[in-house]
PDB file of N, CA and C in Angstrom:
ATOM      1  N   MET A   1     105.247 118.529  88.081  1.00  0.00           N
ATOM      2  CA  MET A   1     105.490 117.279  87.399  1.00  0.00           C
ATOM      3  C   MET A   1     105.962 116.210  88.380  1.00  0.00           C
ATOM      4  N   VAL A   2     106.877 116.542  89.241  1.00  0.00           N
ATOM      5  CA  VAL A   2     107.491 115.544  90.118  1.00  0.00           C
ATOM      6  C   VAL A   2     106.629 115.283  91.355  1.00  0.00           C
ATOM      7  N   ARG A   3     105.594 116.052  91.544  1.00  0.00           N
ATOM      8  CA  ARG A   3     104.771 115.901  92.744  1.00  0.00           C
ATOM      9  C   ARG A   3     104.002 114.585  92.790  1.00  0.00           C
ATOM     10  N   PHE A   4     103.735 113.970  91.644  1.00  0.00           N
ATOM     11  CA  PHE A   4     102.873 112.802  91.610  1.00  0.00           C
ATOM     12  C   PHE A   4     103.620 111.510  91.315  1.00  0.00           C
ATOM     13  N   LEU A   5     104.924 111.514  91.380  1.00  0.00           N
ATOM     14  CA  LEU A   5     105.719 110.312  91.125  1.00  0.00           C
ATOM     15  C   LEU A   5     105.710 109.417  92.357  1.00  0.00           C
ATOM     16  N   PRO A   6     106.126 108.149  92.216  1.00  0.00           N
ATOM     17  CA  PRO A   6     106.111 107.243  93.361  1.00  0.00           C
ATOM     18  C   PRO A   6     106.911 107.760  94.567  1.00  0.00           C
ATOM     19  N   PHE A   7     107.951 108.551  94.333  1.00  0.00           N
ATOM     20  CA  PHE A   7     108.670 109.147  95.450  1.00  0.00           C
ATOM     21  C   PHE A   7     108.610 110.664  95.347  1.00  0.00           C
ATOM     22  N   GLY A   8     107.511 111.184  94.857  1.00  0.00           N
ATOM     23  CA  GLY A   8     107.330 112.615  94.701  1.00  0.00           C
ATOM     24  C   GLY A   8     106.854 113.273  95.986  1.00  0.00           C
ATOM     25  N   TYR A   9     106.503 114.517  95.859  1.00  0.00           N
ATOM     26  CA  TYR A   9     106.129 115.361  96.989  1.00  0.00           C
ATOM     27  C   TYR A   9     104.947 114.783  97.762  1.00  0.00           C
ATOM     28  N   TRP A  10     103.869 114.435  97.068  1.00  0.00           N
ATOM     29  CA  TRP A  10     102.670 113.965  97.755  1.00  0.00           C
ATOM     30  C   TRP A  10     102.885 112.602  98.399  1.00  0.00           C
ATOM     31  N   THR A  11     103.640 111.739  97.773  1.00  0.00           N
ATOM     32  CA  THR A  11     103.932 110.437  98.364  1.00  0.00           C
ATOM     33  C   THR A  11     104.764 110.601  99.626  1.00  0.00           C
ATOM     34  N   ASN A  12     105.752 111.487  99.594  1.00  0.00           N
ATOM     35  CA  ASN A  12     106.560 111.741 100.786  1.00  0.00           C
ATOM     36  C   ASN A  12     105.716 112.325 101.913  1.00  0.00           C
ATOM     37  N   ARG A  13     104.800 113.217 101.592  1.00  0.00           N
ATOM     38  CA  ARG A  13     103.919 113.776 102.625  1.00  0.00           C
ATOM     39  C   ARG A  13     103.043 112.693 103.237  1.00  0.00           C
ATOM     40  N   LEU A  14     102.516 111.794 102.413  1.00  0.00           N
ATOM     41  CA  LEU A  14     101.680 110.710 102.916  1.00  0.00           C
ATOM     42  C   LEU A  14     102.480 109.785 103.829  1.00  0.00           C
ATOM     43  N   ILE A  15     103.676 109.402 103.413  1.00  0.00           N
ATOM     44  CA  ILE A  15     104.501 108.501 104.234  1.00  0.00           C
ATOM     45  C   ILE A  15     104.857 109.169 105.556  1.00  0.00           C
ATOM     46  N   ARG A  16     105.172 110.458 105.520  1.00  0.00           N
ATOM     47  CA  ARG A  16     105.484 111.177 106.764  1.00  0.00           C
ATOM     48  C   ARG A  16     104.252 111.299 107.657  1.00  0.00           C
ATOM     49  N   ALA A  17     103.082 111.487 107.061  1.00  0.00           N
ATOM     50  CA  ALA A  17     101.850 111.582 107.844  1.00  0.00           C
ATOM     51  C   ALA A  17     101.505 110.248 108.508  1.00  0.00           C
ATOM     52  N   LEU A  18     101.928 109.154 107.889  1.00  0.00           N
ATOM     53  CA  LEU A  18     101.652 107.832 108.457  1.00  0.00           C
ATOM     54  C   LEU A  18     102.639 107.442 109.550  1.00  0.00           C
ATOM     55  N   GLY A  19     103.601 108.313 109.852  1.00  0.00           N
ATOM     56  CA  GLY A  19     104.466 108.053 110.983  1.00  0.00           C
ATOM     57  C   GLY A  19     105.954 108.045 110.713  1.00  0.00           C
ATOM     58  N   ALA A  20     106.386 107.991 109.489  1.00  0.00           N
ATOM     59  CA  ALA A  20     107.820 107.972 109.194  1.00  0.00           C
ATOM     60  C   ALA A  20     108.302 109.413 109.032  1.00  0.00           C
ATOM     61  N   ARG A  21     108.574 110.064 110.120  1.00  0.00           N
ATOM     62  CA  ARG A  21     108.921 111.493 110.113  1.00  0.00           C
ATOM     63  C   ARG A  21     110.243 111.785 109.411  1.00  0.00           C
ATOM     64  N   ASN A  22     111.188 110.908 109.477  1.00  0.00           N
ATOM     65  CA  ASN A  22     112.502 111.149 108.877  1.00  0.00           C
ATOM     66  C   ASN A  22     112.674 110.414 107.556  1.00  0.00           C
ATOM     67  N   PHE A  23     111.576 110.172 106.838  1.00  0.00           N
ATOM     68  CA  PHE A  23     111.656 109.449 105.575  1.00  0.00           C
ATOM     69  C   PHE A  23     112.342 110.305 104.522  1.00  0.00           C
ATOM     70  N   ARG A  24     113.419 109.791 103.988  1.00  0.00           N
ATOM     71  CA  ARG A  24     114.123 110.433 102.883  1.00  0.00           C
ATOM     72  C   ARG A  24     114.644 109.330 101.975  1.00  0.00           C
ATOM     73  N   VAL A  25     114.432 109.477 100.682  1.00  0.00           N
ATOM     74  CA  VAL A  25     114.976 108.516  99.735  1.00  0.00           C
ATOM     75  C   VAL A  25     116.473 108.733  99.610  1.00  0.00           C
ATOM     76  N   VAL A  26     116.878 109.987  99.538  1.00  0.00           N
ATOM     77  CA  VAL A  26     118.292 110.343  99.430  1.00  0.00           C
ATOM     78  C   VAL A  26     118.671 111.096 100.701  1.00  0.00           C
ATOM     79  N   LYS A  27     119.508 110.449 101.526  1.00  0.00           N
ATOM     80  CA  LYS A  27     119.887 111.041 102.805  1.00  0.00           C
ATOM     81  C   LYS A  27     121.281 111.642 102.774  1.00  0.00           C
ATOM     82  N   ASP A  28     122.179 110.983 102.077  1.00  0.00           N
ATOM     83  CA  ASP A  28     123.574 111.404 102.049  1.00  0.00           C
ATOM     84  C   ASP A  28     124.180 110.977 100.717  1.00  0.00           C
ATOM     85  N   GLU A  29     125.475 111.173 100.563  1.00  0.00           N
ATOM     86  CA  GLU A  29     126.115 110.872  99.280  1.00  0.00           C
ATOM     87  C   GLU A  29     126.041 109.391  98.894  1.00  0.00           C
ATOM     88  N   PRO A  30     126.276 108.436  99.798  1.00  0.00           N
ATOM     89  CA  PRO A  30     126.147 107.026  99.387  1.00  0.00           C
ATOM     90  C   PRO A  30     124.731 106.670  98.924  1.00  0.00           C
ATOM     91  N   SER A  31     123.716 107.168  99.621  1.00  0.00           N
ATOM     92  CA  SER A  31     122.349 106.871  99.182  1.00  0.00           C
ATOM     93  C   SER A  31     122.027 107.602  97.879  1.00  0.00           C
ATOM     94  N   ALA A  32     122.642 108.764  97.654  1.00  0.00           N
ATOM     95  CA  ALA A  32     122.462 109.465  96.378  1.00  0.00           C
ATOM     96  C   ALA A  32     123.052 108.653  95.232  1.00  0.00           C
ATOM     97  N   LYS A  33     124.208 108.061  95.460  1.00  0.00           N
ATOM     98  CA  LYS A  33     124.831 107.235  94.420  1.00  0.00           C
ATOM     99  C   LYS A  33     123.975 106.009  94.104  1.00  0.00           C
ATOM    100  N   VAL A  34     123.412 105.385  95.132  1.00  0.00           N
ATOM    101  CA  VAL A  34     122.546 104.229  94.925  1.00  0.00           C
ATOM    102  C   VAL A  34     121.303 104.657  94.146  1.00  0.00           C
ATOM    103  N   TRP A  35     120.749 105.801  94.499  1.00  0.00           N
ATOM    104  CA  TRP A  35     119.546 106.270  93.821  1.00  0.00           C
ATOM    105  C   TRP A  35     119.832 106.624  92.354  1.00  0.00           C
ATOM    106  N   VAL A  36     120.994 107.180  92.083  1.00  0.00           N
ATOM    107  CA  VAL A  36     121.357 107.493  90.701  1.00  0.00           C
ATOM    108  C   VAL A  36     121.468 106.200  89.890  1.00  0.00           C
ATOM    109  N   VAL A  37     122.080 105.180  90.445  1.00  0.00           N
ATOM    110  CA  VAL A  37     122.172 103.889  89.750  1.00  0.00           C
ATOM    111  C   VAL A  37     120.771 103.316  89.534  1.00  0.00           C
ATOM    112  N   PHE A  38     119.912 103.439  90.524  1.00  0.00           N
ATOM    113  CA  PHE A  38     118.533 102.969  90.401  1.00  0.00           C
ATOM    114  C   PHE A  38     117.821 103.695  89.256  1.00  0.00           C
ATOM    115  N   THR A  39     118.004 104.997  89.144  1.00  0.00           N
ATOM    116  CA  THR A  39     117.336 105.738  88.069  1.00  0.00           C
ATOM    117  C   THR A  39     117.837 105.304  86.698  1.00  0.00           C
ATOM    118  N   VAL A  40     119.128 104.987  86.600  1.00  0.00           N
ATOM    119  CA  VAL A  40     119.673 104.519  85.317  1.00  0.00           C
ATOM    120  C   VAL A  40     119.045 103.176  84.941  1.00  0.00           C
ATOM    121  N   VAL A  41     118.941 102.273  85.899  1.00  0.00           N
ATOM    122  CA  VAL A  41     118.365 100.944  85.633  1.00  0.00           C
ATOM    123  C   VAL A  41     116.893 101.066  85.253  1.00  0.00           C
ATOM    124  N   VAL A  42     116.147 101.867  85.996  1.00  0.00           N
ATOM    125  CA  VAL A  42     114.718 102.020  85.721  1.00  0.00           C
ATOM    126  C   VAL A  42     114.496 102.702  84.379  1.00  0.00           C
ATOM    127  N   GLU A  43     115.320 103.691  84.062  1.00  0.00           N
ATOM    128  CA  GLU A  43     115.189 104.358  82.763  1.00  0.00           C
ATOM    129  C   GLU A  43     115.459 103.376  81.619  1.00  0.00           C
ATOM    130  N   PHE A  44     116.424 102.494  81.789  1.00  0.00           N
ATOM    131  CA  PHE A  44     116.700 101.479  80.776  1.00  0.00           C
ATOM    132  C   PHE A  44     115.482 100.562  80.583  1.00  0.00           C
ATOM    133  N   GLY A  45     114.855 100.179  81.681  1.00  0.00           N
ATOM    134  CA  GLY A  45     113.657  99.337  81.592  1.00  0.00           C
ATOM    135  C   GLY A  45     112.528 100.040  80.852  1.00  0.00           C
ATOM    136  N   HIS A  46     112.341 101.320  81.120  1.00  0.00           N
ATOM    137  CA  HIS A  46     111.308 102.076  80.419  1.00  0.00           C
ATOM    138  C   HIS A  46     111.650 102.231  78.940  1.00  0.00           C
ATOM    139  N   THR A  47     112.919 102.334  78.611  1.00  0.00           N
ATOM    140  CA  THR A  47     113.325 102.448  77.211  1.00  0.00           C
ATOM    141  C   THR A  47     113.038 101.149  76.463  1.00  0.00           C
ATOM    142  N   VAL A  48     113.307 100.012  77.085  1.00  0.00           N
ATOM    143  CA  VAL A  48     112.999  98.718  76.462  1.00  0.00           C
ATOM    144  C   VAL A  48     111.489  98.587  76.274  1.00  0.00           C
ATOM    145  N   ALA A  49     110.737  98.931  77.297  1.00  0.00           N
ATOM    146  CA  ALA A  49     109.277  98.851  77.190  1.00  0.00           C
ATOM    147  C   ALA A  49     108.755  99.816  76.124  1.00  0.00           C
ATOM    148  N   PHE A  50     109.383 100.974  75.986  1.00  0.00           N
ATOM    149  CA  PHE A  50     109.009 101.929  74.942  1.00  0.00           C
ATOM    150  C   PHE A  50     109.166 101.293  73.561  1.00  0.00           C
ATOM    151  N   GLY A  51     110.271 100.596  73.349  1.00  0.00           N
ATOM    152  CA  GLY A  51     110.495  99.931  72.074  1.00  0.00           C
ATOM    153  C   GLY A  51     109.446  98.861  71.792  1.00  0.00           C
ATOM    154  N   ILE A  52     109.065  98.121  72.820  1.00  0.00           N
ATOM    155  CA  ILE A  52     108.037  97.086  72.644  1.00  0.00           C
ATOM    156  C   ILE A  52     106.696  97.726  72.294  1.00  0.00           C
ATOM    157  N   PHE A  53     106.354  98.815  72.988  1.00  0.00           N
ATOM    158  CA  PHE A  53     105.105  99.507  72.691  1.00  0.00           C
ATOM    159  C   PHE A  53     105.118 100.082  71.277  1.00  0.00           C
ATOM    160  N   VAL A  54     106.254 100.602  70.832  1.00  0.00           N
ATOM    161  CA  VAL A  54     106.337 101.132  69.467  1.00  0.00           C
ATOM    162  C   VAL A  54     106.117 100.008  68.463  1.00  0.00           C
ATOM    163  N   TRP A  55     106.642  98.827  68.743  1.00  0.00           N
ATOM    164  CA  TRP A  55     106.440  97.692  67.853  1.00  0.00           C
ATOM    165  C   TRP A  55     104.957  97.329  67.780  1.00  0.00           C
ATOM    166  N   PHE A  56     104.280  97.290  68.945  1.00  0.00           N
ATOM    167  CA  PHE A  56     102.844  97.025  68.947  1.00  0.00           C
ATOM    168  C   PHE A  56     102.077  98.112  68.203  1.00  0.00           C
ATOM    169  N   MET A  57     102.499  99.357  68.404  1.00  0.00           N
ATOM    170  CA  MET A  57     101.832 100.469  67.736  1.00  0.00           C
ATOM    171  C   MET A  57     101.986 100.353  66.218  1.00  0.00           C
ATOM    172  N   ALA A  58     103.184  99.984  65.759  1.00  0.00           N
ATOM    173  CA  ALA A  58     103.407  99.836  64.318  1.00  0.00           C
ATOM    174  C   ALA A  58     102.575  98.697  63.747  1.00  0.00           C
ATOM    175  N   SER A  59     102.432  97.620  64.492  1.00  0.00           N
ATOM    176  CA  SER A  59     101.612  96.517  63.994  1.00  0.00           C
ATOM    177  C   SER A  59     100.128  96.888  63.990  1.00  0.00           C
ATOM    178  N   ASP A  60      99.697  97.721  64.937  1.00  0.00           N
ATOM    179  CA  ASP A  60      98.307  98.169  64.970  1.00  0.00           C
ATOM    180  C   ASP A  60      97.995  99.175  63.867  1.00  0.00           C
ATOM    181  N   MET A  61      98.996  99.900  63.395  1.00  0.00           N
ATOM    182  CA  MET A  61      98.757 100.913  62.361  1.00  0.00           C
ATOM    183  C   MET A  61      98.210 100.284  61.086  1.00  0.00           C
ATOM    184  N   GLN A  62      98.541  99.027  60.825  1.00  0.00           N
ATOM    185  CA  GLN A  62      98.093  98.379  59.599  1.00  0.00           C
ATOM    186  C   GLN A  62      96.618  97.985  59.659  1.00  0.00           C
ATOM    187  N   THR A  63      96.105  97.700  60.841  1.00  0.00           N
ATOM    188  CA  THR A  63      94.738  97.203  60.941  1.00  0.00           C
ATOM    189  C   THR A  63      93.823  98.113  61.763  1.00  0.00           C
ATOM    190  N   ASP A  64      94.327  98.664  62.843  1.00  0.00           N
ATOM    191  CA  ASP A  64      93.478  99.396  63.782  1.00  0.00           C
ATOM    192  C   ASP A  64      94.140 100.721  64.139  1.00  0.00           C
ATOM    193  N   TYR A  65      93.777 101.774  63.433  1.00  0.00           N
ATOM    194  CA  TYR A  65      94.400 103.078  63.663  1.00  0.00           C
ATOM    195  C   TYR A  65      94.068 103.615  65.055  1.00  0.00           C
ATOM    196  N   ALA A  66      92.836 103.430  65.515  1.00  0.00           N
ATOM    197  CA  ALA A  66      92.449 103.907  66.846  1.00  0.00           C
ATOM    198  C   ALA A  66      93.244 103.171  67.933  1.00  0.00           C
ATOM    199  N   GLY A  67      93.463 101.881  67.728  1.00  0.00           N
ATOM    200  CA  GLY A  67      94.270 101.128  68.690  1.00  0.00           C
ATOM    201  C   GLY A  67      95.709 101.611  68.730  1.00  0.00           C
ATOM    202  N   ALA A  68      96.230 102.002  67.573  1.00  0.00           N
ATOM    203  CA  ALA A  68      97.594 102.528  67.530  1.00  0.00           C
ATOM    204  C   ALA A  68      97.694 103.849  68.279  1.00  0.00           C
ATOM    205  N   VAL A  69      96.668 104.677  68.146  1.00  0.00           N
ATOM    206  CA  VAL A  69      96.656 105.959  68.873  1.00  0.00           C
ATOM    207  C   VAL A  69      96.596 105.708  70.371  1.00  0.00           C
ATOM    208  N   TRP A  70      95.758 104.755  70.795  1.00  0.00           N
ATOM    209  CA  TRP A  70      95.692 104.430  72.222  1.00  0.00           C
ATOM    210  C   TRP A  70      97.019 103.864  72.732  1.00  0.00           C
ATOM    211  N   ASN A  71      97.669 103.019  71.930  1.00  0.00           N
ATOM    212  CA  ASN A  71      98.989 102.509  72.311  1.00  0.00           C
ATOM    213  C   ASN A  71      99.997 103.632  72.445  1.00  0.00           C
ATOM    214  N   MET A  72      99.944 104.602  71.541  1.00  0.00           N
ATOM    215  CA  MET A  72     100.869 105.727  71.610  1.00  0.00           C
ATOM    216  C   MET A  72     100.635 106.540  72.884  1.00  0.00           C
ATOM    217  N   LEU A  73      99.366 106.827  73.191  1.00  0.00           N
ATOM    218  CA  LEU A  73      99.061 107.596  74.399  1.00  0.00           C
ATOM    219  C   LEU A  73      99.457 106.835  75.657  1.00  0.00           C
ATOM    220  N   LEU A  74      99.189 105.551  75.666  1.00  0.00           N
ATOM    221  CA  LEU A  74      99.581 104.729  76.814  1.00  0.00           C
ATOM    222  C   LEU A  74     101.099 104.671  76.952  1.00  0.00           C
ATOM    223  N   ASN A  75     101.799 104.589  75.831  1.00  0.00           N
ATOM    224  CA  ASN A  75     103.254 104.566  75.838  1.00  0.00           C
ATOM    225  C   ASN A  75     103.812 105.864  76.405  1.00  0.00           C
ATOM    226  N   LEU A  76     103.221 106.978  76.002  1.00  0.00           N
ATOM    227  CA  LEU A  76     103.669 108.265  76.541  1.00  0.00           C
ATOM    228  C   LEU A  76     103.471 108.329  78.050  1.00  0.00           C
ATOM    229  N   LEU A  77     102.341 107.849  78.512  1.00  0.00           N
ATOM    230  CA  LEU A  77     102.028 107.912  79.936  1.00  0.00           C
ATOM    231  C   LEU A  77     102.854 106.936  80.764  1.00  0.00           C
ATOM    232  N   VAL A  78     103.038 105.721  80.260  1.00  0.00           N
ATOM    233  CA  VAL A  78     103.657 104.663  81.055  1.00  0.00           C
ATOM    234  C   VAL A  78     105.176 104.623  80.921  1.00  0.00           C
ATOM    235  N   ASN A  79     105.719 105.048  79.781  1.00  0.00           N
ATOM    236  CA  ASN A  79     107.158 104.897  79.567  1.00  0.00           C
ATOM    237  C   ASN A  79     107.902 106.210  79.372  1.00  0.00           C
ATOM    238  N   VAL A  80     107.387 107.085  78.551  1.00  0.00           N
ATOM    239  CA  VAL A  80     108.127 108.316  78.249  1.00  0.00           C
ATOM    240  C   VAL A  80     108.131 109.256  79.458  1.00  0.00           C
ATOM    241  N   TYR A  81     106.973 109.480  80.060  1.00  0.00           N
ATOM    242  CA  TYR A  81     106.906 110.371  81.212  1.00  0.00           C
ATOM    243  C   TYR A  81     107.795 109.902  82.375  1.00  0.00           C
ATOM    244  N   PRO A  82     107.735 108.628  82.790  1.00  0.00           N
ATOM    245  CA  PRO A  82     108.622 108.201  83.877  1.00  0.00           C
ATOM    246  C   PRO A  82     110.105 108.286  83.514  1.00  0.00           C
ATOM    247  N   ALA A  83     110.459 107.991  82.261  1.00  0.00           N
ATOM    248  CA  ALA A  83     111.872 108.092  81.866  1.00  0.00           C
ATOM    249  C   ALA A  83     112.354 109.533  81.952  1.00  0.00           C
ATOM    250  N   MET A  84     111.529 110.467  81.521  1.00  0.00           N
ATOM    251  CA  MET A  84     111.917 111.880  81.605  1.00  0.00           C
ATOM    252  C   MET A  84     111.985 112.336  83.071  1.00  0.00           C
ATOM    253  N   ALA A  85     111.072 111.839  83.887  1.00  0.00           N
ATOM    254  CA  ALA A  85     111.114 112.184  85.314  1.00  0.00           C
ATOM    255  C   ALA A  85     112.366 111.614  85.978  1.00  0.00           C
ATOM    256  N   GLN A  86     112.782 110.399  85.580  1.00  0.00           N
ATOM    257  CA  GLN A  86     114.016 109.822  86.123  1.00  0.00           C
ATOM    258  C   GLN A  86     115.217 110.684  85.753  1.00  0.00           C
ATOM    259  N   ARG A  87     115.242 111.149  84.495  1.00  0.00           N
ATOM    260  CA  ARG A  87     116.351 112.012  84.072  1.00  0.00           C
ATOM    261  C   ARG A  87     116.369 113.301  84.868  1.00  0.00           C
ATOM    262  N   TYR A  88     115.201 113.887  85.080  1.00  0.00           N
ATOM    263  CA  TYR A  88     115.089 115.131  85.840  1.00  0.00           C
ATOM    264  C   TYR A  88     115.577 114.931  87.273  1.00  0.00           C
ATOM    265  N   ASN A  89     115.094 113.869  87.922  1.00  0.00           N
ATOM    266  CA  ASN A  89     115.505 113.600  89.306  1.00  0.00           C
ATOM    267  C   ASN A  89     116.996 113.281  89.400  1.00  0.00           C
ATOM    268  N   ARG A  90     117.506 112.529  88.423  1.00  0.00           N
ATOM    269  CA  ARG A  90     118.929 112.169  88.445  1.00  0.00           C
ATOM    270  C   ARG A  90     119.803 113.417  88.334  1.00  0.00           C
ATOM    271  N   LEU A  91     119.442 114.331  87.457  1.00  0.00           N
ATOM    272  CA  LEU A  91     120.225 115.567  87.328  1.00  0.00           C
ATOM    273  C   LEU A  91     120.169 116.392  88.601  1.00  0.00           C
ATOM    274  N   ARG A  92     119.027 116.440  89.247  1.00  0.00           N
ATOM    275  CA  ARG A  92     118.916 117.180  90.509  1.00  0.00           C
ATOM    276  C   ARG A  92     119.813 116.572  91.586  1.00  0.00           C
ATOM    277  N   ILE A  93     119.828 115.242  91.665  1.00  0.00           N
ATOM    278  CA  ILE A  93     120.660 114.569  92.669  1.00  0.00           C
ATOM    279  C   ILE A  93     122.138 114.758  92.350  1.00  0.00           C
ATOM    280  N   LEU A  94     122.509 114.611  91.079  1.00  0.00           N
ATOM    281  CA  LEU A  94     123.915 114.796  90.695  1.00  0.00           C
ATOM    282  C   LEU A  94     124.384 116.209  91.017  1.00  0.00           C
ATOM    283  N   ASN A  95     123.553 117.191  90.745  1.00  0.00           N
ATOM    284  CA  ASN A  95     123.934 118.574  91.033  1.00  0.00           C
ATOM    285  C   ASN A  95     123.973 118.851  92.534  1.00  0.00           C
ATOM    286  N   ALA A  96     123.054 118.271  93.287  1.00  0.00           N
ATOM    287  CA  ALA A  96     123.010 118.513  94.733  1.00  0.00           C
ATOM    288  C   ALA A  96     124.241 117.968  95.447  1.00  0.00           C
ATOM    289  N   PHE A  97     124.783 116.852  94.958  1.00  0.00           N
ATOM    290  CA  PHE A  97     125.932 116.225  95.616  1.00  0.00           C
ATOM    291  C   PHE A  97     127.220 116.376  94.816  1.00  0.00           C
ATOM    292  N   ASN A  98     127.208 117.202  93.782  1.00  0.00           N
ATOM    293  CA  ASN A  98     128.381 117.433  92.928  1.00  0.00           C
ATOM    294  C   ASN A  98     128.992 116.127  92.434  1.00  0.00           C
ATOM    295  N   LEU A  99     128.127 115.253  91.931  1.00  0.00           N
ATOM    296  CA  LEU A  99     128.564 113.967  91.397  1.00  0.00           C
ATOM    297  C   LEU A  99     128.658 114.056  89.883  1.00  0.00           C
ATOM    298  N   ASP A 100     129.463 113.176  89.302  1.00  0.00           N
ATOM    299  CA  ASP A 100     129.620 113.117  87.855  1.00  0.00           C
ATOM    300  C   ASP A 100     129.191 111.727  87.383  1.00  0.00           C
ATOM    301  N   LEU A 101     128.249 111.694  86.475  1.00  0.00           N
ATOM    302  CA  LEU A 101     127.729 110.416  85.991  1.00  0.00           C
ATOM    303  C   LEU A 101     128.782 109.624  85.240  1.00  0.00           C
ATOM    304  N   LYS A 102     129.748 110.301  84.641  1.00  0.00           N
ATOM    305  CA  LYS A 102     130.806 109.605  83.906  1.00  0.00           C
ATOM    306  C   LYS A 102     131.722 108.824  84.836  1.00  0.00           C
ATOM    307  N   GLN A 103     131.763 109.187  86.113  1.00  0.00           N
ATOM    308  CA  GLN A 103     132.595 108.483  87.084  1.00  0.00           C
ATOM    309  C   GLN A 103     131.823 107.388  87.821  1.00  0.00           C
ATOM    310  N   MET A 104     130.603 107.096  87.384  1.00  0.00           N
ATOM    311  CA  MET A 104     129.760 106.120  88.082  1.00  0.00           C
ATOM    312  C   MET A 104     130.423 104.749  88.229  1.00  0.00           C
ATOM    313  N   PRO A 105     131.149 104.205  87.224  1.00  0.00           N
ATOM    314  CA  PRO A 105     131.775 102.892  87.447  1.00  0.00           C
ATOM    315  C   PRO A 105     132.806 102.887  88.579  1.00  0.00           C
ATOM    316  N   ASP A 106     133.338 104.047  88.954  1.00  0.00           N
ATOM    317  CA  ASP A 106     134.341 104.122  90.010  1.00  0.00           C
ATOM    318  C   ASP A 106     133.723 104.341  91.392  1.00  0.00           C
ATOM    319  N   TRP A 107     132.413 104.506  91.481  1.00  0.00           N
ATOM    320  CA  TRP A 107     131.789 104.753  92.770  1.00  0.00           C
ATOM    321  C   TRP A 107     131.838 103.500  93.629  1.00  0.00           C
ATOM    322  N   ASP A 108     132.053 103.702  94.918  1.00  0.00           N
ATOM    323  CA  ASP A 108     131.971 102.605  95.893  1.00  0.00           C
ATOM    324  C   ASP A 108     130.556 102.609  96.443  1.00  0.00           C
ATOM    325  N   LEU A 109     129.737 101.674  96.000  1.00  0.00           N
ATOM    326  CA  LEU A 109     128.353 101.618  96.441  1.00  0.00           C
ATOM    327  C   LEU A 109     128.226 100.712  97.648  1.00  0.00           C
ATOM    328  N   PRO A 110     127.349 101.094  98.591  1.00  0.00           N
ATOM    329  CA  PRO A 110     127.119 100.210  99.729  1.00  0.00           C
ATOM    330  C   PRO A 110     126.443  98.923  99.283  1.00  0.00           C
ATOM    331  N   ALA A 111     126.726  97.849  99.966  1.00  0.00           N
ATOM    332  CA  ALA A 111     126.187  96.527  99.580  1.00  0.00           C
ATOM    333  C   ALA A 111     124.726  96.395  99.908  1.00  0.00           C
TER     334      ALA A 111
END
């Protein structure tokens, strides 16, 4: 599942093959904290977009059932899948660095 994400396995292999041998999105605890905040922000954006797509889908249900089905499938692909992948990656990072998401407001993030 995570192999095909923008910072997944295959993307990292491609970037390393192009010359960035030490490419890492998460290098240490400060970068892990920044990445966790990034995943929260991106997940929120996908949740808002999910709501907009559901509204379009509901309006299509009255006139165009096939269009509503296509909107639902597109919504799953564009919003639900990335949000679930963000949650998966965030939990992996939190566990790897023994971080607690409830303490996020107290983190000292690099500028």
